[in-house]
Amino acid sequence: LRSGDIQKPGKGDLIRAYTLQHAESGLGNDYLKRKNVIRVRLEGEQFLLQAADVPSVVEWIEGFHAGTNISLDLDHRVMPKGPMFPR
């Protein structure tokens, strides 16, 4: 691999899969060690992800919200919530 390339994991490398059902995602603005942090809570666990820049943060959070909004069966869905960003 060249420097900067990311190796793709093999099928045997999967440790655990998560569902976006009942997931919560948003800015991790209380995490001060790094910039552009996204906090994702799902299945009782919490993940902090770092994006490259602010537009990427917005894109990732919108993606997580979209996935969460469609992850439940139609009979169990609530009205979708859009991402909330501080001004």
N, C-alpha and C. Protein backbone atom coordinates (compact mmCIF):
# COMPACT_ATOMS: atom_id res chain seq x y z
N LEU A 1 0.83 -1.20 0.00
CA LEU A 1 0.00 0.00 0.00
C LEU A 1 0.87 1.25 0.00
N ARG A 2 0.39 2.24 -0.69
CA ARG A 2 1.08 3.53 -0.67
C ARG A 2 0.73 4.27 0.60
N SER A 3 1.55 5.22 0.95
CA SER A 3 1.28 6.04 2.14
C SER A 3 -0.04 6.77 1.97
N GLY A 4 -0.91 6.71 2.98
CA GLY A 4 -2.20 7.38 2.92
C GLY A 4 -3.34 6.50 2.43
N ASP A 5 -3.02 5.34 1.84
CA ASP A 5 -4.07 4.43 1.40
C ASP A 5 -4.63 3.68 2.60
N ILE A 6 -5.90 3.41 2.56
CA ILE A 6 -6.55 2.66 3.64
C ILE A 6 -6.86 1.27 3.13
N GLN A 7 -6.40 0.28 3.85
CA GLN A 7 -6.64 -1.10 3.45
C GLN A 7 -8.07 -1.48 3.80
N LYS A 8 -8.76 -2.10 2.87
CA LYS A 8 -10.13 -2.54 3.11
C LYS A 8 -10.10 -3.83 3.92
N PRO A 9 -10.97 -3.91 4.94
CA PRO A 9 -11.00 -5.14 5.75
C PRO A 9 -11.60 -6.30 4.96
N GLY A 10 -11.18 -7.49 5.30
CA GLY A 10 -11.73 -8.69 4.67
C GLY A 10 -13.01 -9.12 5.36
N LYS A 11 -13.71 -10.08 4.79
CA LYS A 11 -14.97 -10.55 5.35
C LYS A 11 -14.79 -11.12 6.76
N GLY A 12 -13.66 -11.72 7.02
CA GLY A 12 -13.40 -12.29 8.34
C GLY A 12 -13.02 -11.25 9.38
N ASP A 13 -12.87 -9.99 8.97
CA ASP A 13 -12.45 -8.94 9.89
C ASP A 13 -13.60 -8.27 10.63
N LEU A 14 -14.84 -8.53 10.26
CA LEU A 14 -15.98 -7.90 10.90
C LEU A 14 -16.10 -8.37 12.34
N ILE A 15 -16.07 -7.44 13.26
CA ILE A 15 -16.17 -7.77 14.68
C ILE A 15 -17.61 -7.73 15.14
N ARG A 16 -18.34 -6.68 14.76
CA ARG A 16 -19.73 -6.53 15.17
C ARG A 16 -20.45 -5.61 14.19
N ALA A 17 -21.71 -5.87 13.96
CA ALA A 17 -22.55 -5.01 13.13
C ALA A 17 -23.58 -4.32 14.03
N TYR A 18 -23.90 -3.10 13.71
CA TYR A 18 -24.86 -2.32 14.49
C TYR A 18 -26.02 -1.91 13.61
N THR A 19 -27.18 -1.69 14.22
CA THR A 19 -28.33 -1.18 13.51
C THR A 19 -28.52 0.29 13.88
N LEU A 20 -29.11 1.06 13.00
CA LEU A 20 -29.38 2.46 13.28
C LEU A 20 -30.75 2.66 13.94
N GLN A 21 -31.46 1.58 14.23
CA GLN A 21 -32.75 1.71 14.91
C GLN A 21 -32.52 2.35 16.28
N HIS A 22 -33.25 3.42 16.57
CA HIS A 22 -33.19 4.16 17.83
C HIS A 22 -31.83 4.81 18.06
N ALA A 23 -31.05 5.02 17.01
CA ALA A 23 -29.74 5.65 17.15
C ALA A 23 -29.90 7.16 17.38
N GLU A 24 -28.93 7.74 18.05
CA GLU A 24 -28.87 9.18 18.24
C GLU A 24 -27.53 9.66 17.71
N SER A 25 -27.54 10.75 16.98
CA SER A 25 -26.28 11.29 16.46
C SER A 25 -26.34 12.80 16.48
N GLY A 26 -25.19 13.41 16.64
CA GLY A 26 -25.11 14.86 16.67
C GLY A 26 -23.68 15.30 16.87
N LEU A 27 -23.53 16.60 17.11
CA LEU A 27 -22.21 17.16 17.32
C LEU A 27 -21.64 16.70 18.66
N GLY A 28 -20.38 16.41 18.67
CA GLY A 28 -19.71 16.09 19.92
C GLY A 28 -18.97 17.32 20.42
N ASN A 29 -19.70 18.43 20.57
CA ASN A 29 -19.04 19.69 20.88
C ASN A 29 -18.54 19.78 22.32
N ASP A 30 -18.86 18.82 23.18
CA ASP A 30 -18.30 18.81 24.53
C ASP A 30 -16.98 18.03 24.57
N TYR A 31 -16.62 17.40 23.47
CA TYR A 31 -15.34 16.69 23.36
C TYR A 31 -14.33 17.68 22.80
N LEU A 32 -13.42 18.14 23.65
CA LEU A 32 -12.55 19.27 23.29
C LEU A 32 -11.18 18.86 22.77
N LYS A 33 -10.85 17.58 22.77
CA LYS A 33 -9.53 17.15 22.33
C LYS A 33 -9.34 17.25 20.82
N ARG A 34 -10.43 17.17 20.08
CA ARG A 34 -10.34 17.21 18.62
C ARG A 34 -11.47 18.07 18.06
N LYS A 35 -11.27 18.54 16.84
CA LYS A 35 -12.30 19.33 16.15
C LYS A 35 -13.16 18.42 15.29
N ASN A 36 -14.33 18.92 14.90
CA ASN A 36 -15.22 18.24 13.95
C ASN A 36 -15.59 16.83 14.40
N VAL A 37 -16.01 16.72 15.65
CA VAL A 37 -16.34 15.41 16.23
C VAL A 37 -17.84 15.17 16.16
N ILE A 38 -18.19 13.97 15.76
CA ILE A 38 -19.58 13.52 15.68
C ILE A 38 -19.77 12.45 16.75
N ARG A 39 -20.83 12.58 17.54
CA ARG A 39 -21.15 11.58 18.57
C ARG A 39 -22.31 10.73 18.07
N VAL A 40 -22.13 9.43 18.09
CA VAL A 40 -23.18 8.49 17.66
C VAL A 40 -23.42 7.53 18.81
N ARG A 41 -24.68 7.44 19.24
CA ARG A 41 -25.06 6.48 20.28
C ARG A 41 -26.02 5.48 19.66
N LEU A 42 -25.65 4.20 19.79
CA LEU A 42 -26.53 3.15 19.29
C LEU A 42 -26.29 1.86 20.05
N GLU A 43 -27.37 1.16 20.27
CA GLU A 43 -27.34 -0.12 20.97
C GLU A 43 -26.56 -0.06 22.28
N GLY A 44 -26.73 1.04 23.01
CA GLY A 44 -26.10 1.17 24.32
C GLY A 44 -24.63 1.54 24.28
N GLU A 45 -24.08 1.78 23.12
CA GLU A 45 -22.67 2.15 23.00
C GLU A 45 -22.56 3.53 22.38
N GLN A 46 -21.42 4.16 22.59
CA GLN A 46 -21.18 5.50 22.06
C GLN A 46 -19.90 5.51 21.24
N PHE A 47 -19.97 6.20 20.11
CA PHE A 47 -18.81 6.30 19.22
C PHE A 47 -18.55 7.77 18.94
N LEU A 48 -17.29 8.16 18.94
CA LEU A 48 -16.89 9.49 18.53
C LEU A 48 -16.15 9.36 17.21
N LEU A 49 -16.63 10.08 16.21
CA LEU A 49 -16.03 10.04 14.88
C LEU A 49 -15.52 11.43 14.54
N GLN A 50 -14.37 11.51 13.90
CA GLN A 50 -13.84 12.80 13.51
C GLN A 50 -13.93 12.96 12.00
N ALA A 51 -14.55 14.05 11.58
CA ALA A 51 -14.65 14.37 10.15
C ALA A 51 -13.53 15.34 9.77
N ALA A 52 -13.31 15.47 8.49
CA ALA A 52 -12.23 16.32 7.99
C ALA A 52 -12.51 17.81 8.19
N ASP A 53 -13.78 18.21 7.99
CA ASP A 53 -14.13 19.63 8.09
C ASP A 53 -15.61 19.76 8.44
N VAL A 54 -16.06 21.00 8.63
CA VAL A 54 -17.44 21.26 9.05
C VAL A 54 -18.46 20.76 8.02
N PRO A 55 -18.28 21.00 6.72
CA PRO A 55 -19.25 20.45 5.76
C PRO A 55 -19.36 18.92 5.84
N SER A 56 -18.25 18.25 6.11
CA SER A 56 -18.29 16.80 6.26
C SER A 56 -19.06 16.39 7.50
N VAL A 57 -18.92 17.16 8.57
CA VAL A 57 -19.68 16.89 9.80
C VAL A 57 -21.17 16.95 9.51
N VAL A 58 -21.58 18.01 8.83
CA VAL A 58 -23.00 18.18 8.49
C VAL A 58 -23.48 17.02 7.62
N GLU A 59 -22.69 16.66 6.63
CA GLU A 59 -23.05 15.57 5.72
C GLU A 59 -23.20 14.24 6.46
N TRP A 60 -22.25 13.94 7.35
CA TRP A 60 -22.31 12.69 8.11
C TRP A 60 -23.52 12.66 9.04
N ILE A 61 -23.76 13.76 9.75
CA ILE A 61 -24.91 13.79 10.67
C ILE A 61 -26.21 13.67 9.90
N GLU A 62 -26.33 14.35 8.77
CA GLU A 62 -27.53 14.21 7.95
C GLU A 62 -27.70 12.77 7.49
N GLY A 63 -26.60 12.12 7.14
CA GLY A 63 -26.66 10.71 6.72
C GLY A 63 -27.10 9.80 7.85
N PHE A 64 -26.56 10.02 9.04
CA PHE A 64 -26.97 9.21 10.20
C PHE A 64 -28.45 9.43 10.51
N HIS A 65 -28.90 10.69 10.45
CA HIS A 65 -30.31 10.97 10.72
C HIS A 65 -31.21 10.33 9.68
N ALA A 66 -30.82 10.40 8.43
CA ALA A 66 -31.62 9.78 7.36
C ALA A 66 -31.69 8.27 7.58
N GLY A 67 -30.57 7.64 7.89
CA GLY A 67 -30.55 6.20 8.14
C GLY A 67 -31.39 5.81 9.34
N THR A 68 -31.31 6.62 10.40
CA THR A 68 -32.11 6.35 11.60
C THR A 68 -33.59 6.51 11.30
N ASN A 69 -33.94 7.52 10.52
CA ASN A 69 -35.35 7.78 10.22
C ASN A 69 -35.99 6.68 9.38
N ILE A 70 -35.22 5.96 8.60
CA ILE A 70 -35.82 4.90 7.77
C ILE A 70 -35.51 3.49 8.29
N SER A 71 -34.84 3.38 9.44
CA SER A 71 -34.41 2.06 9.90
C SER A 71 -35.54 1.24 10.54
N LEU A 72 -36.55 1.90 11.06
CA LEU A 72 -37.65 1.17 11.67
C LEU A 72 -38.71 0.79 10.65
N ASP A 73 -39.50 -0.21 10.97
CA ASP A 73 -40.64 -0.61 10.16
C ASP A 73 -41.60 0.57 10.05
N LEU A 74 -42.30 0.68 8.94
CA LEU A 74 -43.22 1.81 8.72
C LEU A 74 -44.24 1.96 9.84
N ASP A 75 -44.71 0.87 10.40
CA ASP A 75 -45.71 0.93 11.46
C ASP A 75 -45.16 1.49 12.77
N HIS A 76 -43.85 1.51 12.93
CA HIS A 76 -43.24 1.95 14.19
C HIS A 76 -42.47 3.25 14.06
N ARG A 77 -42.50 3.88 12.90
CA ARG A 77 -41.75 5.11 12.68
C ARG A 77 -42.48 6.31 13.26
N VAL A 78 -41.71 7.26 13.76
CA VAL A 78 -42.25 8.55 14.16
C VAL A 78 -41.89 9.54 13.05
N MET A 79 -42.41 10.75 13.16
CA MET A 79 -42.08 11.76 12.15
C MET A 79 -40.57 12.01 12.16
N PRO A 80 -39.94 12.07 10.99
CA PRO A 80 -38.49 12.28 10.93
C PRO A 80 -38.07 13.60 11.57
N LYS A 81 -36.89 13.57 12.19
CA LYS A 81 -36.30 14.78 12.76
C LYS A 81 -35.09 15.13 11.91
N GLY A 82 -34.98 16.37 11.57
CA GLY A 82 -33.80 16.83 10.85
C GLY A 82 -32.67 17.12 11.83
N PRO A 83 -31.47 17.22 11.35
CA PRO A 83 -30.37 17.54 12.25
C PRO A 83 -30.52 18.95 12.84
N MET A 84 -30.14 19.09 14.09
CA MET A 84 -30.20 20.38 14.77
C MET A 84 -28.76 20.85 14.98
N PHE A 85 -28.43 22.00 14.43
CA PHE A 85 -27.10 22.55 14.56
C PHE A 85 -27.19 23.89 15.29
N PRO A 86 -26.29 24.14 16.23
CA PRO A 86 -26.32 25.44 16.91
C PRO A 86 -25.94 26.55 15.95
N ARG A 87 -26.44 27.73 16.21
CA ARG A 87 -26.13 28.88 15.34
C ARG A 87 -24.94 29.62 15.85
